[in-house]
Amino acid sequence: QVQLVESGGGWAQPGGSLRLSCTVTVSLFGFNTMGWYRQAPGNERELGATIFRFGSSQYADSVKGRFTISRDYAKNTMSLQMNSRKPEDTAVYYCNGHKENDGSDYWGQGTQVTVSS
């Protein structure tokens, strides 16, 4: 059974750093893409960062240059390093794994991140 579990959320001051992790119960090689999404109150869920099977990555303009997505195949984990945090980064963050062969998407339960002074 595929499960994704986020951890590392919490509170950070503006300008601070936080690292999120997503632990997966199956090999990351099974996913074509993995990503971090976020949803702020009253807003739709939006894609923040994506990492592809062969290592390339893409970022939303709102996080580019501040966030870094990475994977550790040996540990079956995906991470999001969040630097230079802003209050508008406050949201519930979800990790996602996508398989192209059947179009399936797998989601974690979400972790709350709050940026405030």
C-alpha atoms as a PDB file:
ATOM      1  CA  GLN A   1       0.000   0.000   0.000  1.00  0.00           C
ATOM      2  CA  VAL A   2       1.347   3.402  -0.981  1.00  0.00           C
ATOM      3  CA  GLN A   3       1.483   5.935   1.829  1.00  0.00           C
ATOM      4  CA  LEU A   4       3.093   9.361   1.964  1.00  0.00           C
ATOM      5  CA  VAL A   5       3.672  10.947   5.356  1.00  0.00           C
ATOM      6  CA  GLU A   6       4.806  14.547   5.767  1.00  0.00           C
ATOM      7  CA  SER A   7       6.747  15.843   8.737  1.00  0.00           C
ATOM      8  CA  GLY A   8       8.670  18.925   9.768  1.00  0.00           C
ATOM      9  CA  GLY A   9       5.936  21.523   9.705  1.00  0.00           C
ATOM     10  CA  GLY A  10       5.597  24.163  12.370  1.00  0.00           C
ATOM     11  CA  TRP A  11       6.210  27.807  13.008  1.00  0.00           C
ATOM     12  CA  ALA A  12       9.010  29.952  11.705  1.00  0.00           C
ATOM     13  CA  GLN A  13       9.731  33.653  11.798  1.00  0.00           C
ATOM     14  CA  PRO A  14       9.879  35.583   8.542  1.00  0.00           C
ATOM     15  CA  GLY A  15      13.297  35.096   7.012  1.00  0.00           C
ATOM     16  CA  GLY A  16      13.806  31.820   8.844  1.00  0.00           C
ATOM     17  CA  SER A  17      14.214  28.313   7.511  1.00  0.00           C
ATOM     18  CA  LEU A  18      12.233  25.104   7.774  1.00  0.00           C
ATOM     19  CA  ARG A  19      12.675  21.698   6.209  1.00  0.00           C
ATOM     20  CA  LEU A  20       9.782  19.441   5.315  1.00  0.00           C
ATOM     21  CA  SER A  21      10.134  15.705   4.712  1.00  0.00           C
ATOM     22  CA  CYS A  22       7.869  13.214   2.974  1.00  0.00           C
ATOM     23  CA  THR A  23       8.447   9.573   3.805  1.00  0.00           C
ATOM     24  CA  VAL A  24       7.051   7.055   1.326  1.00  0.00           C
ATOM     25  CA  THR A  25       6.279   3.398   2.007  1.00  0.00           C
ATOM     26  CA  VAL A  26       7.372   2.292  -1.480  1.00  0.00           C
ATOM     27  CA  SER A  27      10.361   3.006  -3.683  1.00  0.00           C
ATOM     28  CA  LEU A  28      10.485   6.504  -5.139  1.00  0.00           C
ATOM     29  CA  PHE A  29      11.461   4.946  -8.466  1.00  0.00           C
ATOM     30  CA  GLY A  30       7.805   4.068  -8.937  1.00  0.00           C
ATOM     31  CA  PHE A  31       6.865   7.734  -9.376  1.00  0.00           C
ATOM     32  CA  ASN A  32       7.497   9.712 -12.549  1.00  0.00           C
ATOM     33  CA  THR A  33       7.203  12.995 -10.690  1.00  0.00           C
ATOM     34  CA  MET A  34       6.937  14.055  -7.082  1.00  0.00           C
ATOM     35  CA  GLY A  35       6.012  17.434  -5.769  1.00  0.00           C
ATOM     36  CA  TRP A  36       5.104  19.715  -2.927  1.00  0.00           C
ATOM     37  CA  TYR A  37       1.773  21.497  -3.037  1.00  0.00           C
ATOM     38  CA  ARG A  38       0.379  24.003  -0.604  1.00  0.00           C
ATOM     39  CA  GLN A  39      -3.038  25.346   0.281  1.00  0.00           C
ATOM     40  CA  ALA A  40      -3.620  28.526   2.224  1.00  0.00           C
ATOM     41  CA  PRO A  41      -6.991  29.231   3.893  1.00  0.00           C
ATOM     42  CA  GLY A  42      -9.563  30.236   1.303  1.00  0.00           C
ATOM     43  CA  ASN A  43      -7.254  29.408  -1.588  1.00  0.00           C
ATOM     44  CA  GLU A  44      -6.979  26.519  -4.000  1.00  0.00           C
ATOM     45  CA  ARG A  45      -4.176  23.999  -3.662  1.00  0.00           C
ATOM     46  CA  GLU A  46      -1.201  25.134  -5.729  1.00  0.00           C
ATOM     47  CA  LEU A  47       1.952  23.460  -6.912  1.00  0.00           C
ATOM     48  CA  GLY A  48       5.104  24.809  -5.311  1.00  0.00           C
ATOM     49  CA  ALA A  49       7.882  22.515  -6.511  1.00  0.00           C
ATOM     50  CA  THR A  50       8.266  19.416  -8.681  1.00  0.00           C
ATOM     51  CA  ILE A  51      11.096  16.947  -9.054  1.00  0.00           C
ATOM     52  CA  PHE A  52      11.260  14.546 -11.972  1.00  0.00           C
ATOM     53  CA  ARG A  53      12.480  10.981 -12.020  1.00  0.00           C
ATOM     54  CA  PHE A  54      15.836  11.872 -13.548  1.00  0.00           C
ATOM     55  CA  GLY A  55      16.520  14.702 -11.151  1.00  0.00           C
ATOM     56  CA  SER A  56      15.436  17.923 -12.825  1.00  0.00           C
ATOM     57  CA  SER A  57      13.123  20.224 -10.892  1.00  0.00           C
ATOM     58  CA  GLN A  58      10.716  23.093 -11.399  1.00  0.00           C
ATOM     59  CA  TYR A  59       9.476  25.781  -9.047  1.00  0.00           C
ATOM     60  CA  ALA A  60       6.571  28.162  -8.878  1.00  0.00           C
ATOM     61  CA  ASP A  61       7.645  31.780  -9.255  1.00  0.00           C
ATOM     62  CA  SER A  62       6.498  32.459  -5.702  1.00  0.00           C
ATOM     63  CA  VAL A  63       9.122  30.107  -4.220  1.00  0.00           C
ATOM     64  CA  LYS A  64      11.870  30.115  -6.847  1.00  0.00           C
ATOM     65  CA  GLY A  65      15.255  30.917  -5.359  1.00  0.00           C
ATOM     66  CA  ARG A  66      14.024  30.297  -1.802  1.00  0.00           C
ATOM     67  CA  PHE A  67      12.842  26.678  -1.762  1.00  0.00           C
ATOM     68  CA  THR A  68      14.752  23.562  -2.825  1.00  0.00           C
ATOM     69  CA  ILE A  69      13.191  20.176  -3.520  1.00  0.00           C
ATOM     70  CA  SER A  70      15.234  16.986  -3.246  1.00  0.00           C
ATOM     71  CA  ARG A  71      14.908  13.206  -3.034  1.00  0.00           C
ATOM     72  CA  ASP A  72      16.796  10.451  -1.247  1.00  0.00           C
ATOM     73  CA  TYR A  73      16.147   7.152  -3.001  1.00  0.00           C
ATOM     74  CA  ALA A  74      17.939   5.145  -0.332  1.00  0.00           C
ATOM     75  CA  LYS A  75      15.662   6.505   2.385  1.00  0.00           C
ATOM     76  CA  ASN A  76      12.500   6.765   0.251  1.00  0.00           C
ATOM     77  CA  THR A  77      12.096  10.382   1.273  1.00  0.00           C
ATOM     78  CA  MET A  78      11.484  13.655  -0.484  1.00  0.00           C
ATOM     79  CA  SER A  79      12.308  16.984   1.155  1.00  0.00           C
ATOM     80  CA  LEU A  80      11.573  20.659   0.771  1.00  0.00           C
ATOM     81  CA  GLN A  81      14.099  23.116   2.187  1.00  0.00           C
ATOM     82  CA  MET A  82      12.337  26.401   2.770  1.00  0.00           C
ATOM     83  CA  ASN A  83      14.569  29.452   3.254  1.00  0.00           C
ATOM     84  CA  SER A  84      13.838  33.166   3.481  1.00  0.00           C
ATOM     85  CA  ARG A  85      10.338  32.412   4.649  1.00  0.00           C
ATOM     86  CA  LYS A  86       7.546  34.924   4.092  1.00  0.00           C
ATOM     87  CA  PRO A  87       4.154  35.241   5.825  1.00  0.00           C
ATOM     88  CA  GLU A  88       2.485  34.320   2.534  1.00  0.00           C
ATOM     89  CA  ASP A  89       4.173  30.903   2.742  1.00  0.00           C
ATOM     90  CA  THR A  90       1.748  30.050   5.538  1.00  0.00           C
ATOM     91  CA  ALA A  91      -0.278  27.066   4.340  1.00  0.00           C
ATOM     92  CA  VAL A  92      -0.839  23.348   4.678  1.00  0.00           C
ATOM     93  CA  TYR A  93       1.864  21.604   2.648  1.00  0.00           C
ATOM     94  CA  TYR A  94       1.156  18.314   0.893  1.00  0.00           C
ATOM     95  CA  CYS A  95       3.550  15.926  -0.789  1.00  0.00           C
ATOM     96  CA  ASN A  96       2.446  14.192  -3.959  1.00  0.00           C
ATOM     97  CA  GLY A  97       3.622  11.282  -6.049  1.00  0.00           C
ATOM     98  CA  HIS A  98       2.420  10.786  -9.622  1.00  0.00           C
ATOM     99  CA  LYS A  99       2.578   7.686 -11.801  1.00  0.00           C
ATOM    100  CA  GLU A 100       2.170   8.211 -15.525  1.00  0.00           C
ATOM    101  CA  ASN A 101       1.429   4.580 -16.414  1.00  0.00           C
ATOM    102  CA  ASP A 102      -2.029   4.724 -14.851  1.00  0.00           C
ATOM    103  CA  GLY A 103      -2.350   8.429 -14.084  1.00  0.00           C
ATOM    104  CA  SER A 104      -2.631   7.814 -10.359  1.00  0.00           C
ATOM    105  CA  ASP A 105      -1.785  10.406  -7.752  1.00  0.00           C
ATOM    106  CA  TYR A 106      -0.862   9.749  -4.150  1.00  0.00           C
ATOM    107  CA  TRP A 107      -1.081  12.359  -1.395  1.00  0.00           C
ATOM    108  CA  GLY A 108       0.112  12.805   2.124  1.00  0.00           C
ATOM    109  CA  GLN A 109      -2.151  14.049   4.874  1.00  0.00           C
ATOM    110  CA  GLY A 110      -0.557  17.510   4.931  1.00  0.00           C
ATOM    111  CA  THR A 111       1.522  19.428   7.438  1.00  0.00           C
ATOM    112  CA  GLN A 112       0.840  22.965   8.651  1.00  0.00           C
ATOM    113  CA  VAL A 113       3.497  25.617   8.139  1.00  0.00           C
ATOM    114  CA  THR A 114       3.060  29.034   9.730  1.00  0.00           C
ATOM    115  CA  VAL A 115       5.283  32.046   9.136  1.00  0.00           C
ATOM    116  CA  SER A 116       4.730  34.953  11.454  1.00  0.00           C
ATOM    117  CA  SER A 117       6.560  37.202  13.836  1.00  0.00           C
END
